[in-house]
Amino acid sequence: MVKFTTEDIQKIKEAFFERLEEFIGDKSLIQWSKEIGIPSTTVTNWKLKRSLPKIEYCIVMSKKLGVTIDYLFGLEN
């Protein structure tokens, strides 16, 4: 079993929030969320760092964006 420290978890969260910003870019949250098929309120909560995505949304994003879930969370480059 892999064990993560509190510091590791914080880095993983921050990596996700940074990647999210990169993917959204100059688009509006509404436009981007429609493109990937995730409710804009959900994406807003991620952008405001209120929550992290459920596994279902991680899968949707990785497929639509052409990246791995590990990439989304900064576990690979």
PDB file of N, CA and C in Angstrom:
ATOM      1  N   MET A   1       0.840  -1.176   0.000  1.00  0.00           N
ATOM      2  CA  MET A   1       0.000   0.000   0.000  1.00  0.00           C
ATOM      3  C   MET A   1       0.889   1.245   0.000  1.00  0.00           C
ATOM      4  N   VAL A   2       0.523   2.198  -0.813  1.00  0.00           N
ATOM      5  CA  VAL A   2       1.244   3.466  -0.878  1.00  0.00           C
ATOM      6  C   VAL A   2       0.706   4.385   0.211  1.00  0.00           C
ATOM      7  N   LYS A   3       1.611   4.999   0.935  1.00  0.00           N
ATOM      8  CA  LYS A   3       1.188   5.941   1.980  1.00  0.00           C
ATOM      9  C   LYS A   3       1.638   7.339   1.578  1.00  0.00           C
ATOM     10  N   PHE A   4       0.738   8.282   1.721  1.00  0.00           N
ATOM     11  CA  PHE A   4       1.023   9.667   1.406  1.00  0.00           C
ATOM     12  C   PHE A   4       1.046  10.483   2.689  1.00  0.00           C
ATOM     13  N   THR A   5       1.981  11.390   2.760  1.00  0.00           N
ATOM     14  CA  THR A   5       2.020  12.311   3.888  1.00  0.00           C
ATOM     15  C   THR A   5       1.030  13.443   3.628  1.00  0.00           C
ATOM     16  N   THR A   6       0.756  14.215   4.641  1.00  0.00           N
ATOM     17  CA  THR A   6      -0.103  15.390   4.482  1.00  0.00           C
ATOM     18  C   THR A   6       0.491  16.333   3.437  1.00  0.00           C
ATOM     19  N   GLU A   7       1.806  16.461   3.452  1.00  0.00           N
ATOM     20  CA  GLU A   7       2.486  17.317   2.475  1.00  0.00           C
ATOM     21  C   GLU A   7       2.321  16.774   1.058  1.00  0.00           C
ATOM     22  N   ASP A   8       2.423  15.456   0.890  1.00  0.00           N
ATOM     23  CA  ASP A   8       2.216  14.836  -0.426  1.00  0.00           C
ATOM     24  C   ASP A   8       0.813  15.122  -0.946  1.00  0.00           C
ATOM     25  N   ILE A   9      -0.160  14.970  -0.085  1.00  0.00           N
ATOM     26  CA  ILE A   9      -1.553  15.188  -0.481  1.00  0.00           C
ATOM     27  C   ILE A   9      -1.777  16.636  -0.885  1.00  0.00           C
ATOM     28  N   GLN A  10      -1.185  17.561  -0.152  1.00  0.00           N
ATOM     29  CA  GLN A  10      -1.323  18.979  -0.494  1.00  0.00           C
ATOM     30  C   GLN A  10      -0.705  19.266  -1.859  1.00  0.00           C
ATOM     31  N   LYS A  11       0.448  18.667  -2.147  1.00  0.00           N
ATOM     32  CA  LYS A  11       1.093  18.855  -3.452  1.00  0.00           C
ATOM     33  C   LYS A  11       0.238  18.294  -4.583  1.00  0.00           C
ATOM     34  N   ILE A  12      -0.387  17.156  -4.334  1.00  0.00           N
ATOM     35  CA  ILE A  12      -1.252  16.541  -5.339  1.00  0.00           C
ATOM     36  C   ILE A  12      -2.457  17.435  -5.613  1.00  0.00           C
ATOM     37  N   LYS A  13      -3.054  17.962  -4.562  1.00  0.00           N
ATOM     38  CA  LYS A  13      -4.192  18.873  -4.733  1.00  0.00           C
ATOM     39  C   LYS A  13      -3.783  20.112  -5.517  1.00  0.00           C
ATOM     40  N   GLU A  14      -2.676  20.720  -5.138  1.00  0.00           N
ATOM     41  CA  GLU A  14      -2.214  21.930  -5.828  1.00  0.00           C
ATOM     42  C   GLU A  14      -1.901  21.642  -7.288  1.00  0.00           C
ATOM     43  N   ALA A  15      -1.332  20.479  -7.556  1.00  0.00           N
ATOM     44  CA  ALA A  15      -1.034  20.109  -8.951  1.00  0.00           C
ATOM     45  C   ALA A  15      -2.327  20.039  -9.755  1.00  0.00           C
ATOM     46  N   PHE A  16      -3.377  19.448  -9.173  1.00  0.00           N
ATOM     47  CA  PHE A  16      -4.650  19.381  -9.886  1.00  0.00           C
ATOM     48  C   PHE A  16      -5.171  20.775 -10.187  1.00  0.00           C
ATOM     49  N   PHE A  17      -5.156  21.649  -9.186  1.00  0.00           N
ATOM     50  CA  PHE A  17      -5.678  22.993  -9.393  1.00  0.00           C
ATOM     51  C   PHE A  17      -4.875  23.750 -10.449  1.00  0.00           C
ATOM     52  N   GLU A  18      -3.566  23.558 -10.489  1.00  0.00           N
ATOM     53  CA  GLU A  18      -2.726  24.188 -11.514  1.00  0.00           C
ATOM     54  C   GLU A  18      -3.041  23.631 -12.899  1.00  0.00           C
ATOM     55  N   ARG A  19      -3.184  22.308 -12.992  1.00  0.00           N
ATOM     56  CA  ARG A  19      -3.500  21.695 -14.298  1.00  0.00           C
ATOM     57  C   ARG A  19      -4.860  22.173 -14.780  1.00  0.00           C
ATOM     58  N   LEU A  20      -5.805  22.283 -13.865  1.00  0.00           N
ATOM     59  CA  LEU A  20      -7.135  22.759 -14.228  1.00  0.00           C
ATOM     60  C   LEU A  20      -7.047  24.138 -14.859  1.00  0.00           C
ATOM     61  N   GLU A  21      -6.287  25.033 -14.242  1.00  0.00           N
ATOM     62  CA  GLU A  21      -6.098  26.384 -14.785  1.00  0.00           C
ATOM     63  C   GLU A  21      -5.512  26.323 -16.200  1.00  0.00           C
ATOM     64  N   GLU A  22      -4.526  25.451 -16.389  1.00  0.00           N
ATOM     65  CA  GLU A  22      -3.902  25.305 -17.709  1.00  0.00           C
ATOM     66  C   GLU A  22      -4.919  24.853 -18.749  1.00  0.00           C
ATOM     67  N   PHE A  23      -5.726  23.854 -18.389  1.00  0.00           N
ATOM     68  CA  PHE A  23      -6.693  23.325 -19.344  1.00  0.00           C
ATOM     69  C   PHE A  23      -7.790  24.325 -19.669  1.00  0.00           C
ATOM     70  N   ILE A  24      -8.252  25.056 -18.691  1.00  0.00           N
ATOM     71  CA  ILE A  24      -9.312  26.040 -18.936  1.00  0.00           C
ATOM     72  C   ILE A  24      -8.760  27.189 -19.767  1.00  0.00           C
ATOM     73  N   GLY A  25      -7.549  27.623 -19.456  1.00  0.00           N
ATOM     74  CA  GLY A  25      -6.916  28.701 -20.224  1.00  0.00           C
ATOM     75  C   GLY A  25      -7.759  29.952 -20.255  1.00  0.00           C
ATOM     76  N   ASP A  26      -7.974  30.473 -21.462  1.00  0.00           N
ATOM     77  CA  ASP A  26      -8.723  31.709 -21.641  1.00  0.00           C
ATOM     78  C   ASP A  26     -10.229  31.495 -21.787  1.00  0.00           C
ATOM     79  N   LYS A  27     -10.653  30.248 -21.776  1.00  0.00           N
ATOM     80  CA  LYS A  27     -12.073  29.960 -21.948  1.00  0.00           C
ATOM     81  C   LYS A  27     -12.843  30.281 -20.667  1.00  0.00           C
ATOM     82  N   SER A  28     -14.126  30.522 -20.822  1.00  0.00           N
ATOM     83  CA  SER A  28     -14.966  30.708 -19.633  1.00  0.00           C
ATOM     84  C   SER A  28     -15.206  29.333 -19.012  1.00  0.00           C
ATOM     85  N   LEU A  29     -15.501  29.335 -17.726  1.00  0.00           N
ATOM     86  CA  LEU A  29     -15.803  28.074 -17.050  1.00  0.00           C
ATOM     87  C   LEU A  29     -16.983  27.366 -17.698  1.00  0.00           C
ATOM     88  N   ILE A  30     -17.989  28.138 -18.070  1.00  0.00           N
ATOM     89  CA  ILE A  30     -19.181  27.558 -18.683  1.00  0.00           C
ATOM     90  C   ILE A  30     -18.826  26.898 -20.007  1.00  0.00           C
ATOM     91  N   GLN A  31     -18.059  27.599 -20.832  1.00  0.00           N
ATOM     92  CA  GLN A  31     -17.664  27.055 -22.135  1.00  0.00           C
ATOM     93  C   GLN A  31     -16.846  25.777 -21.946  1.00  0.00           C
ATOM     94  N   TRP A  32     -15.849  25.824 -21.071  1.00  0.00           N
ATOM     95  CA  TRP A  32     -14.982  24.670 -20.870  1.00  0.00           C
ATOM     96  C   TRP A  32     -15.752  23.488 -20.306  1.00  0.00           C
ATOM     97  N   SER A  33     -16.622  23.752 -19.336  1.00  0.00           N
ATOM     98  CA  SER A  33     -17.382  22.655 -18.732  1.00  0.00           C
ATOM     99  C   SER A  33     -18.323  22.009 -19.744  1.00  0.00           C
ATOM    100  N   LYS A  34     -18.899  22.799 -20.629  1.00  0.00           N
ATOM    101  CA  LYS A  34     -19.755  22.234 -21.679  1.00  0.00           C
ATOM    102  C   LYS A  34     -18.944  21.370 -22.623  1.00  0.00           C
ATOM    103  N   GLU A  35     -17.740  21.818 -22.973  1.00  0.00           N
ATOM    104  CA  GLU A  35     -16.880  21.068 -23.888  1.00  0.00           C
ATOM    105  C   GLU A  35     -16.522  19.691 -23.333  1.00  0.00           C
ATOM    106  N   ILE A  36     -16.317  19.602 -22.031  1.00  0.00           N
ATOM    107  CA  ILE A  36     -15.929  18.307 -21.478  1.00  0.00           C
ATOM    108  C   ILE A  36     -17.090  17.549 -20.844  1.00  0.00           C
ATOM    109  N   GLY A  37     -18.253  18.192 -20.753  1.00  0.00           N
ATOM    110  CA  GLY A  37     -19.445  17.511 -20.267  1.00  0.00           C
ATOM    111  C   GLY A  37     -19.548  17.375 -18.756  1.00  0.00           C
ATOM    112  N   ILE A  38     -19.053  18.368 -18.050  1.00  0.00           N
ATOM    113  CA  ILE A  38     -19.127  18.379 -16.591  1.00  0.00           C
ATOM    114  C   ILE A  38     -19.862  19.660 -16.183  1.00  0.00           C
ATOM    115  N   PRO A  39     -20.787  19.577 -15.222  1.00  0.00           N
ATOM    116  CA  PRO A  39     -21.547  20.774 -14.826  1.00  0.00           C
ATOM    117  C   PRO A  39     -20.640  21.940 -14.418  1.00  0.00           C
ATOM    118  N   SER A  40     -21.001  23.132 -14.836  1.00  0.00           N
ATOM    119  CA  SER A  40     -20.177  24.311 -14.540  1.00  0.00           C
ATOM    120  C   SER A  40     -20.080  24.591 -13.047  1.00  0.00           C
ATOM    121  N   THR A  41     -21.117  24.248 -12.291  1.00  0.00           N
ATOM    122  CA  THR A  41     -21.043  24.450 -10.838  1.00  0.00           C
ATOM    123  C   THR A  41     -19.967  23.556 -10.220  1.00  0.00           C
ATOM    124  N   THR A  42     -19.822  22.376 -10.758  1.00  0.00           N
ATOM    125  CA  THR A  42     -18.791  21.448 -10.282  1.00  0.00           C
ATOM    126  C   THR A  42     -17.409  22.004 -10.587  1.00  0.00           C
ATOM    127  N   VAL A  43     -17.219  22.464 -11.821  1.00  0.00           N
ATOM    128  CA  VAL A  43     -15.925  23.028 -12.217  1.00  0.00           C
ATOM    129  C   VAL A  43     -15.623  24.283 -11.398  1.00  0.00           C
ATOM    130  N   THR A  44     -16.630  25.081 -11.130  1.00  0.00           N
ATOM    131  CA  THR A  44     -16.442  26.277 -10.303  1.00  0.00           C
ATOM    132  C   THR A  44     -15.928  25.895  -8.919  1.00  0.00           C
ATOM    133  N   ASN A  45     -16.493  24.865  -8.331  1.00  0.00           N
ATOM    134  CA  ASN A  45     -16.032  24.419  -7.015  1.00  0.00           C
ATOM    135  C   ASN A  45     -14.572  23.959  -7.055  1.00  0.00           C
ATOM    136  N   TRP A  46     -14.167  23.331  -8.142  1.00  0.00           N
ATOM    137  CA  TRP A  46     -12.755  22.934  -8.282  1.00  0.00           C
ATOM    138  C   TRP A  46     -11.886  24.168  -8.400  1.00  0.00           C
ATOM    139  N   LYS A  47     -12.323  25.102  -9.244  1.00  0.00           N
ATOM    140  CA  LYS A  47     -11.524  26.306  -9.480  1.00  0.00           C
ATOM    141  C   LYS A  47     -11.352  27.114  -8.199  1.00  0.00           C
ATOM    142  N   LEU A  48     -12.370  27.128  -7.365  1.00  0.00           N
ATOM    143  CA  LEU A  48     -12.312  27.847  -6.098  1.00  0.00           C
ATOM    144  C   LEU A  48     -11.677  27.004  -4.984  1.00  0.00           C
ATOM    145  N   LYS A  49     -11.191  25.829  -5.345  1.00  0.00           N
ATOM    146  CA  LYS A  49     -10.514  24.899  -4.420  1.00  0.00           C
ATOM    147  C   LYS A  49     -11.422  24.448  -3.279  1.00  0.00           C
ATOM    148  N   ARG A  50     -12.698  24.345  -3.587  1.00  0.00           N
ATOM    149  CA  ARG A  50     -13.670  23.875  -2.594  1.00  0.00           C
ATOM    150  C   ARG A  50     -13.753  22.360  -2.555  1.00  0.00           C
ATOM    151  N   SER A  51     -13.421  21.739  -3.688  1.00  0.00           N
ATOM    152  CA  SER A  51     -13.515  20.284  -3.768  1.00  0.00           C
ATOM    153  C   SER A  51     -12.592  19.752  -4.852  1.00  0.00           C
ATOM    154  N   LEU A  52     -12.461  18.444  -4.863  1.00  0.00           N
ATOM    155  CA  LEU A  52     -11.701  17.734  -5.884  1.00  0.00           C
ATOM    156  C   LEU A  52     -12.687  16.865  -6.664  1.00  0.00           C
ATOM    157  N   PRO A  53     -12.334  16.488  -7.880  1.00  0.00           N
ATOM    158  CA  PRO A  53     -13.268  15.706  -8.687  1.00  0.00           C
ATOM    159  C   PRO A  53     -13.446  14.271  -8.194  1.00  0.00           C
ATOM    160  N   LYS A  54     -14.645  13.762  -8.379  1.00  0.00           N
ATOM    161  CA  LYS A  54     -14.931  12.349  -8.153  1.00  0.00           C
ATOM    162  C   LYS A  54     -14.223  11.556  -9.247  1.00  0.00           C
ATOM    163  N   ILE A  55     -14.022  10.289  -9.011  1.00  0.00           N
ATOM    164  CA  ILE A  55     -13.309   9.453  -9.977  1.00  0.00           C
ATOM    165  C   ILE A  55     -13.988   9.479 -11.351  1.00  0.00           C
ATOM    166  N   GLU A  56     -15.315   9.535 -11.381  1.00  0.00           N
ATOM    167  CA  GLU A  56     -16.028   9.564 -12.660  1.00  0.00           C
ATOM    168  C   GLU A  56     -15.621  10.784 -13.490  1.00  0.00           C
ATOM    169  N   TYR A  57     -15.489  11.931 -12.818  1.00  0.00           N
ATOM    170  CA  TYR A  57     -15.093  13.141 -13.530  1.00  0.00           C
ATOM    171  C   TYR A  57     -13.620  13.088 -13.914  1.00  0.00           C
ATOM    172  N   CYS A  58     -12.804  12.439 -13.100  1.00  0.00           N
ATOM    173  CA  CYS A  58     -11.384  12.272 -13.459  1.00  0.00           C
ATOM    174  C   CYS A  58     -11.270  11.479 -14.758  1.00  0.00           C
ATOM    175  N   ILE A  59     -12.075  10.433 -14.870  1.00  0.00           N
ATOM    176  CA  ILE A  59     -12.058   9.604 -16.072  1.00  0.00           C
ATOM    177  C   ILE A  59     -12.520  10.412 -17.278  1.00  0.00           C
ATOM    178  N   VAL A  60     -13.612  11.146 -17.114  1.00  0.00           N
ATOM    179  CA  VAL A  60     -14.131  11.977 -18.218  1.00  0.00           C
ATOM    180  C   VAL A  60     -13.064  12.979 -18.665  1.00  0.00           C
ATOM    181  N   MET A  61     -12.464  13.688 -17.709  1.00  0.00           N
ATOM    182  CA  MET A  61     -11.456  14.689 -18.069  1.00  0.00           C
ATOM    183  C   MET A  61     -10.257  14.052 -18.746  1.00  0.00           C
ATOM    184  N   SER A  62      -9.775  12.939 -18.229  1.00  0.00           N
ATOM    185  CA  SER A  62      -8.588  12.328 -18.816  1.00  0.00           C
ATOM    186  C   SER A  62      -8.859  11.892 -20.254  1.00  0.00           C
ATOM    187  N   LYS A  63     -10.026  11.337 -20.503  1.00  0.00           N
ATOM    188  CA  LYS A  63     -10.366  10.914 -21.864  1.00  0.00           C
ATOM    189  C   LYS A  63     -10.557  12.109 -22.799  1.00  0.00           C
ATOM    190  N   LYS A  64     -11.317  13.104 -22.346  1.00  0.00           N
ATOM    191  CA  LYS A  64     -11.590  14.273 -23.194  1.00  0.00           C
ATOM    192  C   LYS A  64     -10.335  15.106 -23.448  1.00  0.00           C
ATOM    193  N   LEU A  65      -9.437  15.168 -22.455  1.00  0.00           N
ATOM    194  CA  LEU A  65      -8.243  16.007 -22.577  1.00  0.00           C
ATOM    195  C   LEU A  65      -7.033  15.242 -23.110  1.00  0.00           C
ATOM    196  N   GLY A  66      -7.165  13.933 -23.219  1.00  0.00           N
ATOM    197  CA  GLY A  66      -6.081  13.119 -23.753  1.00  0.00           C
ATOM    198  C   GLY A  66      -4.877  13.005 -22.822  1.00  0.00           C
ATOM    199  N   VAL A  67      -5.141  12.964 -21.530  1.00  0.00           N
ATOM    200  CA  VAL A  67      -4.070  12.824 -20.537  1.00  0.00           C
ATOM    201  C   VAL A  67      -4.461  11.717 -19.558  1.00  0.00           C
ATOM    202  N   THR A  68      -3.507  11.310 -18.743  1.00  0.00           N
ATOM    203  CA  THR A  68      -3.802  10.308 -17.727  1.00  0.00           C
ATOM    204  C   THR A  68      -4.306  10.985 -16.455  1.00  0.00           C
ATOM    205  N   ILE A  69      -4.941  10.207 -15.616  1.00  0.00           N
ATOM    206  CA  ILE A  69      -5.375  10.722 -14.320  1.00  0.00           C
ATOM    207  C   ILE A  69      -4.147  11.099 -13.500  1.00  0.00           C
ATOM    208  N   ASP A  70      -3.083  10.320 -13.606  1.00  0.00           N
ATOM    209  CA  ASP A  70      -1.840  10.674 -12.906  1.00  0.00           C
ATOM    210  C   ASP A  70      -1.351  12.053 -13.333  1.00  0.00           C
ATOM    211  N   TYR A  71      -1.476  12.361 -14.619  1.00  0.00           N
ATOM    212  CA  TYR A  71      -1.072  13.684 -15.091  1.00  0.00           C
ATOM    213  C   TYR A  71      -1.949  14.769 -14.470  1.00  0.00           C
ATOM    214  N   LEU A  72      -3.241  14.534 -14.411  1.00  0.00           N
ATOM    215  CA  LEU A  72      -4.155  15.524 -13.838  1.00  0.00           C
ATOM    216  C   LEU A  72      -3.757  15.916 -12.412  1.00  0.00           C
ATOM    217  N   PHE A  73      -3.211  14.959 -11.674  1.00  0.00           N
ATOM    218  CA  PHE A  73      -2.869  15.203 -10.278  1.00  0.00           C
ATOM    219  C   PHE A  73      -1.363  15.385 -10.037  1.00  0.00           C
ATOM    220  N   GLY A  74      -0.622  15.584 -11.118  1.00  0.00           N
ATOM    221  CA  GLY A  74       0.790  15.891 -10.981  1.00  0.00           C
ATOM    222  C   GLY A  74       1.664  14.717 -10.601  1.00  0.00           C
ATOM    223  N   LEU A  75       1.175  13.503 -10.782  1.00  0.00           N
ATOM    224  CA  LEU A  75       1.975  12.327 -10.449  1.00  0.00           C
ATOM    225  C   LEU A  75       2.861  11.889 -11.611  1.00  0.00           C
ATOM    226  N   GLU A  76       2.650  12.488 -12.761  1.00  0.00           N
ATOM    227  CA  GLU A  76       3.525  12.281 -13.917  1.00  0.00           C
ATOM    228  C   GLU A  76       3.507  13.554 -14.755  1.00  0.00           C
ATOM    229  N   ASN A  77       4.540  13.721 -15.543  1.00  0.00           N
ATOM    230  CA  ASN A  77       4.640  14.922 -16.387  1.00  0.00           C
ATOM    231  C   ASN A  77       4.267  14.637 -17.812  1.00  0.00           C
TER     232      ASN A  77
END
